[in-house]
């Protein structure tokens, strides 16, 4: 037993890093979408290992949708112009995309990881969690934002 006290036990086990977010870079992308003086209407945030980082931003919603593939999970902050005959306004949404081929463990982690994104993306009218590309249709998102927005004066013209 005397030799046991000097023994060092070592083993290797995979150490999972806690997810982190590049707050400054993500906040910069978020602010570009919120800025009324730019045409940028979406920003995406992806996983780079255990770090959430900007995945891009742009003016064409179709470009955002093209990032949403079956093997990725990402977050999108999107500006959609809504309104009616009386007023037009920008509405913002947070979209969580989980591709169909994303593993169960990654699916489970995305809910807790979303809190990191919400520390940066704080102002939005509606949140979507999507894994079916059809639910990313711009008209569908716009209609859901309209419903969340309250009064619809266009209904009087129908």
Protein backbone atom coordinates (compact mmCIF):
# COMPACT_ATOMS: atom_id res chain seq x y z
CA UNK A 1 0.00 0.00 0.00
CA UNK A 2 2.94 2.34 0.45
CA UNK A 3 3.40 2.62 -3.33
CA UNK A 4 -0.25 3.51 -3.88
CA UNK A 5 0.01 6.95 -2.32
CA UNK A 6 2.57 8.01 -4.93
CA UNK A 7 0.57 6.65 -7.86
CA UNK A 8 -0.95 9.15 -10.23
CA UNK A 9 -4.11 8.11 -11.91
CA UNK A 10 -4.79 9.54 -15.31
CA UNK A 11 -7.40 8.84 -17.89
CA UNK A 12 -8.68 10.67 -20.85
CA UNK A 13 -12.27 11.58 -21.20
CA UNK A 14 -13.76 14.00 -23.64
CA UNK A 15 -14.17 17.38 -22.03
CA UNK A 16 -17.06 19.32 -23.47
CA UNK A 17 -16.47 23.02 -23.57
CA UNK A 18 -19.35 25.18 -22.45
CA UNK A 19 -20.85 27.18 -25.28
CA UNK A 20 -19.70 30.80 -25.41
CA UNK A 21 -20.64 33.73 -27.63
CA UNK A 22 -18.52 36.42 -29.29
CA UNK A 23 -20.69 39.20 -27.84
CA UNK A 24 -18.96 42.11 -29.53
CA UNK A 25 -19.04 40.64 -33.05
CA UNK A 26 -22.61 39.39 -32.64
CA UNK A 27 -23.76 42.72 -31.20
CA UNK A 28 -22.24 44.53 -34.17
CA UNK A 29 -24.23 42.33 -36.60
CA UNK A 30 -27.39 42.75 -34.50
CA UNK A 31 -27.02 46.54 -34.54
CA UNK A 32 -26.60 46.55 -38.33
CA UNK A 33 -30.04 44.94 -38.68
CA UNK A 34 -31.63 47.35 -36.20
CA UNK A 35 -30.07 50.41 -37.85
CA UNK A 36 -32.68 52.24 -39.95
CA UNK A 37 -29.94 53.83 -42.06
CA UNK A 38 -28.75 50.50 -43.54
CA UNK A 39 -30.47 48.11 -45.93
CA UNK A 40 -29.26 45.11 -43.92
CA UNK A 41 -32.29 43.14 -42.77
CA UNK A 42 -30.84 39.91 -41.42
CA UNK A 43 -27.91 38.59 -39.43
CA UNK A 44 -27.13 34.96 -38.72
CA UNK A 45 -25.17 33.47 -35.86
CA UNK A 46 -23.56 30.02 -36.15
CA UNK A 47 -21.52 27.64 -34.08
CA UNK A 48 -17.76 27.63 -34.58
CA UNK A 49 -16.84 24.76 -32.29
CA UNK A 50 -18.21 25.79 -28.91
CA UNK A 51 -18.36 29.50 -29.83
CA UNK A 52 -21.38 31.29 -31.33
CA UNK A 53 -20.14 33.78 -33.93
CA UNK A 54 -21.67 35.84 -36.75
CA UNK A 55 -22.33 33.74 -39.87
CA UNK A 56 -23.14 36.70 -42.10
CA UNK A 57 -25.66 39.44 -42.76
CA UNK A 58 -27.38 40.84 -45.78
CA UNK A 59 -30.30 42.45 -47.54
CA UNK A 60 -31.82 39.43 -49.29
CA UNK A 61 -33.87 37.11 -47.08
CA UNK A 62 -33.22 34.28 -49.55
CA UNK A 63 -29.52 34.50 -48.64
CA UNK A 64 -30.42 33.95 -44.99
CA UNK A 65 -32.60 30.97 -45.90
CA UNK A 66 -29.75 29.44 -47.90
CA UNK A 67 -27.73 29.17 -44.67
CA UNK A 68 -30.44 26.99 -43.12
CA UNK A 69 -29.37 23.55 -44.29
CA UNK A 70 -30.16 20.10 -42.90
CA UNK A 71 -26.86 19.72 -41.06
CA UNK A 72 -26.61 23.02 -39.19
CA UNK A 73 -28.11 24.84 -36.27
CA UNK A 74 -28.05 28.59 -36.22
CA UNK A 75 -29.83 31.68 -35.02
CA UNK A 76 -31.17 34.44 -37.23
CA UNK A 77 -32.19 37.98 -36.39
CA UNK A 78 -34.45 39.28 -39.14
CA UNK A 79 -36.12 42.62 -39.91
CA UNK A 80 -39.45 42.36 -41.74
CA UNK A 81 -41.47 45.37 -42.81
CA UNK A 82 -45.08 44.97 -41.76
CA UNK A 83 -48.00 47.24 -41.44
CA UNK A 84 -51.11 48.21 -43.26
CA UNK A 85 -52.56 51.10 -45.18
CA UNK A 86 -52.24 53.34 -42.11
CA UNK A 87 -48.62 52.65 -41.18
CA UNK A 88 -45.54 50.67 -42.11
CA UNK A 89 -43.07 49.57 -39.49
CA UNK A 90 -40.11 47.31 -38.98
CA UNK A 91 -40.70 44.20 -36.92
CA UNK A 92 -37.90 41.97 -35.72
CA UNK A 93 -37.85 38.25 -35.16
CA UNK A 94 -35.44 35.75 -33.67
CA UNK A 95 -35.32 32.51 -35.62
CA UNK A 96 -33.70 29.38 -34.25
CA UNK A 97 -32.96 26.93 -37.07
CA UNK A 98 -32.28 23.27 -36.32
CA UNK A 99 -31.58 21.19 -39.42
CA UNK A 100 -33.13 17.72 -39.71
CA UNK A 101 -29.71 16.00 -39.51
CA UNK A 102 -28.61 17.75 -36.30
CA UNK A 103 -27.86 15.26 -33.51
CA UNK A 104 -30.10 14.86 -30.48
CA UNK A 105 -27.46 16.23 -28.12
CA UNK A 106 -26.99 19.35 -30.24
CA UNK A 107 -30.77 19.79 -30.43
CA UNK A 108 -31.00 19.60 -26.66
CA UNK A 109 -28.21 22.15 -26.13
CA UNK A 110 -29.69 24.77 -28.42
CA UNK A 111 -32.33 25.81 -25.89
CA UNK A 112 -29.75 26.67 -23.25
CA UNK A 113 -27.40 28.19 -25.85
CA UNK A 114 -30.20 30.47 -27.01
CA UNK A 115 -29.96 32.35 -23.71
CA UNK A 116 -26.49 33.50 -24.79
CA UNK A 117 -27.90 34.81 -28.05
CA UNK A 118 -30.72 36.56 -26.20
CA UNK A 119 -28.13 38.46 -24.17
CA UNK A 120 -27.24 40.16 -27.47
CA UNK A 121 -30.50 39.96 -29.45
CA UNK A 122 -32.85 41.58 -26.99
CA UNK A 123 -35.57 43.27 -29.01
CA UNK A 124 -37.85 41.19 -31.19
CA UNK A 125 -41.60 40.84 -31.63
CA UNK A 126 -41.78 37.08 -32.13
CA UNK A 127 -39.56 34.06 -31.83
CA UNK A 128 -39.59 31.01 -34.08
CA UNK A 129 -37.99 27.59 -33.62
CA UNK A 130 -37.87 25.97 -37.04
CA UNK A 131 -36.59 22.74 -38.56
CA UNK A 132 -38.79 22.64 -41.68
CA UNK A 133 -37.60 24.94 -44.47
CA UNK A 134 -41.24 25.64 -45.44
CA UNK A 135 -41.71 27.45 -42.13
CA UNK A 136 -39.00 29.90 -43.20
CA UNK A 137 -41.07 31.30 -46.06
CA UNK A 138 -40.92 35.07 -45.79
CA UNK A 139 -44.70 35.48 -46.22
CA UNK A 140 -45.35 33.02 -43.39
CA UNK A 141 -42.98 34.93 -41.07
CA UNK A 142 -44.52 38.26 -42.10
CA UNK A 143 -48.08 37.02 -41.44
CA UNK A 144 -47.10 35.69 -38.01
CA UNK A 145 -45.52 39.03 -37.18
CA UNK A 146 -48.67 40.82 -38.34
CA UNK A 147 -50.75 38.66 -36.00
CA UNK A 148 -48.41 39.49 -33.14
CA UNK A 149 -48.55 43.19 -34.02
CA UNK A 150 -52.13 43.96 -33.08
CA UNK A 151 -54.48 46.16 -35.10
CA UNK A 152 -54.74 45.46 -38.83
CA UNK A 153 -56.54 48.28 -40.62
CA UNK A 154 -56.25 46.44 -43.96
CA UNK A 155 -58.98 44.12 -42.67
CA UNK A 156 -61.49 46.98 -43.09
CA UNK A 157 -60.80 47.10 -46.82
CA UNK A 158 -61.55 43.38 -47.29
